[in-house]
Amino acid sequence: MNELLDLALLAAKAAGAAILKHYEKYEITYKSDHSPLTSADLAANEVIFKILEKSNIPVCSEEQILDFKFRDFNSKFWLIDPLDGTKEFIAKNGQFCVCIALIEFGRPVLGVIYAPCTDEIFYSVGEGKVYKNGEQISTKPNSKNIISGNSSYSKRNELIAAKFGLNIIKCGSAIKFCRLAEGGASVYARFCASCLWDTGAGEFLLEQSGGVMVSLNDFKPLNYAKSETKNDYFLALNSSQAPNLDEYLKFIKPLIKL
């Protein structure tokens, strides 16, 4: 597993460098769902594929979705988002990252998130250990923050914050999971669309730091071995709030249909 981690770390760093080369000048097109696609996304994707292909493990990317027969429950595959937070990249707020996860039997077993602008790289291969820039992190005392996206904000977060005495903070991309893992935020509830590659690495980092994340559809961990690439809405709690999962779910369940 350490050899695979080394490859993932190398790929993430190389992708970050490729992204930053396009930061001041890039080309942009739009996908069929009207979401932006930049030359930085494509450059990062190419670099990651070139490196991860050395593992002889299939790669599923937001930009090159793997056929389901190679990413079903019995498959082992890389799940990547070469540039998570393209809107943040365009806005030049620095809140974008590279996400790389390794999936086995429908669940992540390795996770890497790299934020190029701050040169922060978070990673784990399990055993309840998460590292940031080579140092094992320990979750800080309860931050009492609920974290939300810049473009995926929901009024439901205000209701959750009021109920549990939380402050609302915002952050783009899967960097939110890093803040949960290191204790800068304690709750992340998502009530809008996301995809498998948006969460695979982040969910693994969160769980290995003692947190928990569940679907708001079946209240189980997310399934990464499904033909549909869209995620359910979900709730993520860091280690300080994980013991209160049932209390949060009891309050949030009626909000799902709002």
Protein backbone atom coordinates (compact mmCIF):
# COMPACT_ATOMS: atom_id res chain seq x y z
CA MET A 1 0.00 0.00 0.00
CA ASN A 2 2.88 2.38 0.69
CA GLU A 3 4.02 2.10 -2.94
CA LEU A 4 0.54 3.07 -4.08
CA LEU A 5 0.53 5.96 -1.62
CA ASP A 6 3.84 7.17 -3.02
CA LEU A 7 2.36 7.12 -6.53
CA ALA A 8 -0.75 8.98 -5.38
CA LEU A 9 1.32 11.64 -3.60
CA LEU A 10 3.52 12.08 -6.65
CA ALA A 11 0.48 12.36 -8.91
CA ALA A 12 -1.25 14.87 -6.65
CA LYS A 13 1.81 17.12 -6.42
CA ALA A 14 2.43 16.92 -10.17
CA ALA A 15 -1.21 17.75 -10.87
CA GLY A 16 -1.03 20.71 -8.52
CA ALA A 17 2.01 22.03 -10.36
CA ALA A 18 0.21 21.61 -13.69
CA ILE A 19 -2.81 23.51 -12.36
CA LEU A 20 -0.73 26.43 -11.13
CA LYS A 21 0.90 26.77 -14.55
CA HIS A 22 -2.55 27.66 -15.87
CA TYR A 23 -3.61 29.85 -12.94
CA GLU A 24 -3.01 33.20 -14.63
CA LYS A 25 -3.92 32.17 -18.15
CA TYR A 26 -6.23 29.31 -19.07
CA GLU A 27 -8.79 28.26 -21.64
CA ILE A 28 -12.36 27.50 -20.63
CA THR A 29 -15.20 25.51 -22.15
CA TYR A 30 -18.47 24.25 -20.67
CA LYS A 31 -19.73 20.70 -20.23
CA SER A 32 -23.22 19.51 -21.12
CA ASP A 33 -24.38 20.31 -17.56
CA HIS A 34 -23.03 23.87 -18.01
CA SER A 35 -20.25 23.36 -15.47
CA PRO A 36 -16.89 24.90 -16.44
CA LEU A 37 -13.94 22.90 -17.74
CA THR A 38 -10.56 24.61 -17.98
CA SER A 39 -7.23 23.75 -19.54
CA ALA A 40 -5.99 23.32 -15.95
CA ASP A 41 -8.50 20.48 -15.35
CA LEU A 42 -7.31 18.71 -18.48
CA ALA A 43 -3.61 19.23 -17.77
CA ALA A 44 -3.97 17.88 -14.23
CA ASN A 45 -5.98 14.92 -15.49
CA GLU A 46 -3.31 14.01 -18.03
CA VAL A 47 -0.51 14.17 -15.47
CA ILE A 48 -2.39 12.01 -12.95
CA PHE A 49 -3.22 9.34 -15.52
CA LYS A 50 0.38 9.18 -16.69
CA ILE A 51 1.59 8.52 -13.13
CA LEU A 52 -1.18 6.28 -11.80
CA GLU A 53 -1.18 4.06 -14.87
CA LYS A 54 2.16 2.70 -13.61
CA SER A 55 0.17 0.87 -10.93
CA ASN A 56 -1.79 -1.12 -13.55
CA ILE A 57 -4.94 -0.21 -11.64
CA PRO A 58 -7.79 1.34 -13.69
CA VAL A 59 -8.43 5.05 -13.19
CA CYS A 60 -11.84 6.71 -13.00
CA SER A 61 -11.74 10.48 -13.36
CA GLU A 62 -14.33 13.22 -13.51
CA GLU A 63 -12.90 13.94 -16.96
CA GLN A 64 -12.64 10.28 -18.06
CA ILE A 65 -15.31 8.16 -16.40
CA LEU A 66 -14.37 4.49 -16.21
CA ASP A 67 -16.78 1.89 -17.58
CA PHE A 68 -18.81 0.45 -14.69
CA LYS A 69 -17.56 -3.10 -15.26
CA PHE A 70 -14.15 -1.85 -14.08
CA ARG A 71 -15.48 -0.02 -11.02
CA ASP A 72 -18.16 -2.35 -9.65
CA PHE A 73 -18.08 -3.89 -6.16
CA ASN A 74 -15.47 -6.50 -7.10
CA SER A 75 -13.17 -3.97 -8.75
CA LYS A 76 -10.15 -2.07 -7.48
CA PHE A 77 -9.75 1.34 -9.07
CA TRP A 78 -8.42 4.84 -8.61
CA LEU A 79 -11.08 7.53 -8.22
CA ILE A 80 -9.82 11.04 -8.95
CA ASP A 81 -10.91 14.61 -9.34
CA PRO A 82 -7.95 16.32 -11.02
CA LEU A 83 -9.20 19.79 -10.09
CA ASP A 84 -11.93 19.84 -7.50
CA GLY A 85 -13.32 23.34 -7.26
CA THR A 86 -13.02 24.60 -10.83
CA LYS A 87 -15.24 27.57 -9.96
CA GLU A 88 -12.89 28.42 -7.10
CA PHE A 89 -9.95 28.16 -9.50
CA ILE A 90 -11.66 30.60 -11.86
CA ALA A 91 -12.45 32.92 -8.94
CA LYS A 92 -8.76 32.74 -7.91
CA ASN A 93 -9.61 32.28 -4.23
CA GLY A 94 -7.19 29.38 -3.78
CA GLN A 95 -9.88 27.00 -2.49
CA PHE A 96 -9.39 24.18 -4.97
CA CYS A 97 -7.59 20.88 -4.71
CA VAL A 98 -6.57 17.57 -6.27
CA CYS A 99 -8.41 14.49 -4.96
CA ILE A 100 -7.13 10.93 -5.33
CA ALA A 101 -8.72 7.87 -3.71
CA LEU A 102 -8.20 4.14 -4.12
CA ILE A 103 -11.44 2.15 -4.01
CA GLU A 104 -11.84 -1.53 -3.08
CA PHE A 105 -15.16 -3.32 -2.58
CA GLY A 106 -17.02 -0.04 -2.95
CA ARG A 107 -15.14 1.87 -0.26
CA PRO A 108 -12.01 4.06 -0.17
CA VAL A 109 -8.85 2.49 1.30
CA LEU A 110 -6.44 5.33 0.52
CA GLY A 111 -6.99 9.05 0.26
CA VAL A 112 -4.94 12.05 -0.83
CA ILE A 113 -6.02 15.70 -1.08
CA TYR A 114 -3.58 18.36 -2.23
CA ALA A 115 -4.27 22.11 -2.08
CA PRO A 116 -1.71 23.68 -4.45
CA CYS A 117 -2.11 27.30 -3.38
CA THR A 118 -1.25 26.57 0.26
CA ASP A 119 0.95 23.55 -0.51
CA GLU A 120 -1.01 21.43 1.97
CA ILE A 121 -1.18 17.71 1.28
CA PHE A 122 -3.35 15.44 3.44
CA TYR A 123 -3.18 11.68 3.13
CA SER A 124 -3.94 8.37 4.79
CA VAL A 125 -3.69 4.66 4.12
CA GLY A 126 -5.71 3.73 7.17
CA GLU A 127 -4.88 2.57 10.70
CA GLY A 128 -6.62 5.65 12.08
CA LYS A 129 -3.80 7.94 10.98
CA VAL A 130 -4.01 11.06 8.80
CA TYR A 131 -0.96 13.07 7.79
CA LYS A 132 -0.54 16.67 6.69
CA ASN A 133 2.71 17.52 4.95
CA GLY A 134 4.39 14.52 6.53
CA GLU A 135 3.20 15.08 10.10
CA GLN A 136 0.43 13.07 11.72
CA ILE A 137 -2.47 15.33 12.61
CA SER A 138 -4.47 15.21 15.80
CA THR A 139 -7.94 16.73 15.76
CA LYS A 140 -8.20 19.97 17.70
CA PRO A 141 -10.81 20.52 20.41
CA ASN A 142 -14.36 21.06 19.17
CA SER A 143 -14.35 24.04 16.81
CA LYS A 144 -18.17 24.40 16.83
CA ASN A 145 -18.18 25.32 13.14
CA ILE A 146 -20.44 24.04 10.39
CA ILE A 147 -18.66 24.30 7.06
CA SER A 148 -20.40 24.97 3.76
CA GLY A 149 -19.39 25.50 0.16
CA ASN A 150 -19.27 28.89 -1.49
CA SER A 151 -21.58 27.89 -4.33
CA SER A 152 -23.39 25.00 -2.62
CA TYR A 153 -24.69 26.87 0.42
CA SER A 154 -28.06 25.80 1.81
CA LYS A 155 -30.38 27.66 4.18
CA ARG A 156 -30.67 24.36 6.03
CA ASN A 157 -27.19 25.04 7.39
CA GLU A 158 -28.56 28.06 9.24
CA LEU A 159 -31.17 25.85 10.92
CA ILE A 160 -28.55 23.27 11.91
CA ALA A 161 -26.22 26.00 13.18
CA ALA A 162 -28.96 27.53 15.30
CA LYS A 163 -30.02 24.17 16.76
CA PHE A 164 -26.51 23.03 17.73
CA GLY A 165 -24.88 26.36 18.52
CA LEU A 166 -22.53 26.34 15.53
CA ASN A 167 -20.82 29.11 13.60
CA ILE A 168 -21.08 28.99 9.80
CA ILE A 169 -17.85 29.10 7.80
CA LYS A 170 -17.39 28.63 4.06
CA CYS A 171 -14.76 26.88 2.00
CA GLY A 172 -14.67 25.61 -1.55
CA SER A 173 -13.96 22.06 -2.77
CA ALA A 174 -12.96 18.93 -0.85
CA ILE A 175 -10.66 21.04 1.31
CA LYS A 176 -13.71 21.05 3.61
CA PHE A 177 -12.90 17.45 4.53
CA CYS A 178 -9.37 18.45 5.46
CA ARG A 179 -10.71 21.12 7.80
CA LEU A 180 -13.00 18.53 9.39
CA ALA A 181 -10.14 16.06 9.80
CA GLU A 182 -7.83 18.58 11.47
CA GLY A 183 -10.58 20.10 13.60
CA GLY A 184 -11.11 23.48 11.93
CA ALA A 185 -14.74 22.51 11.33
CA SER A 186 -16.98 19.99 13.03
CA VAL A 187 -20.04 19.56 10.76
CA TYR A 188 -20.56 19.44 6.98
CA ALA A 189 -24.08 18.80 5.69
CA ARG A 190 -24.57 18.73 1.93
CA PHE A 191 -28.02 19.11 0.41
CA CYS A 192 -27.07 19.49 -3.25
CA ALA A 193 -25.40 17.49 -5.99
CA SER A 194 -21.93 16.01 -5.72
CA CYS A 195 -20.21 13.10 -7.41
CA LEU A 196 -18.20 10.09 -6.28
CA TRP A 197 -14.86 11.71 -7.15
CA ASP A 198 -15.76 14.76 -5.03
CA THR A 199 -15.91 12.77 -1.80
CA GLY A 200 -13.91 9.52 -2.02
CA ALA A 201 -10.59 10.87 -0.75
CA GLY A 202 -12.17 13.29 1.70
CA GLU A 203 -14.48 10.74 3.30
CA PHE A 204 -11.54 8.41 3.90
CA LEU A 205 -9.47 11.16 5.53
CA LEU A 206 -12.41 12.10 7.73
CA GLU A 207 -13.08 8.52 8.85
CA GLN A 208 -9.43 7.83 9.59
CA SER A 209 -9.36 10.95 11.78
CA GLY A 210 -12.23 9.55 13.84
CA GLY A 211 -15.09 11.25 12.04
CA VAL A 212 -18.13 9.79 10.32
CA MET A 213 -20.02 10.43 7.10
CA VAL A 214 -23.38 8.97 6.08
CA SER A 215 -25.81 9.22 3.21
CA LEU A 216 -28.98 11.16 3.98
CA ASN A 217 -30.86 8.61 1.89
CA ASP A 218 -30.11 5.31 3.67
CA PHE A 219 -27.99 6.71 6.58
CA LYS A 220 -25.10 4.41 5.70
CA PRO A 221 -21.58 5.21 4.44
CA LEU A 222 -21.50 6.23 0.77
CA ASN A 223 -21.26 3.51 -1.85
CA TYR A 224 -18.52 4.05 -4.45
CA ALA A 225 -19.34 0.91 -6.45
CA LYS A 226 -22.48 2.01 -8.26
CA SER A 227 -23.19 2.80 -11.89
CA GLU A 228 -24.66 6.21 -11.04
CA THR A 229 -21.83 8.65 -10.30
CA LYS A 230 -23.99 11.09 -8.33
CA ASN A 231 -23.80 10.97 -4.54
CA ASP A 232 -26.70 11.07 -2.14
CA TYR A 233 -26.95 14.13 0.07
CA PHE A 234 -24.76 13.47 3.10
CA LEU A 235 -23.80 14.46 6.61
CA ALA A 236 -20.17 14.52 7.76
CA LEU A 237 -19.09 14.98 11.39
CA ASN A 238 -15.57 15.26 12.74
CA SER A 239 -14.33 13.20 15.67
CA SER A 240 -15.69 15.62 18.27
CA GLN A 241 -19.23 15.43 16.90
CA ALA A 242 -19.32 11.84 15.63
CA PRO A 243 -20.77 10.54 18.95
CA ASN A 244 -23.74 12.87 18.35
CA LEU A 245 -24.61 11.41 14.93
CA ASP A 246 -28.07 10.17 15.96
CA GLU A 247 -28.97 13.55 17.44
CA TYR A 248 -27.94 15.34 14.25
CA LEU A 249 -29.84 12.87 12.05
CA LYS A 250 -32.99 13.21 14.13
CA PHE A 251 -32.96 16.96 13.53
CA ILE A 252 -31.84 16.84 9.89
CA LYS A 253 -34.21 14.16 8.54
CA PRO A 254 -37.20 16.56 8.34
CA LEU A 255 -34.98 19.12 6.57
CA ILE A 256 -34.12 16.81 3.68
CA LYS A 257 -37.47 17.36 1.98
CA LEU A 258 -37.48 21.14 2.40
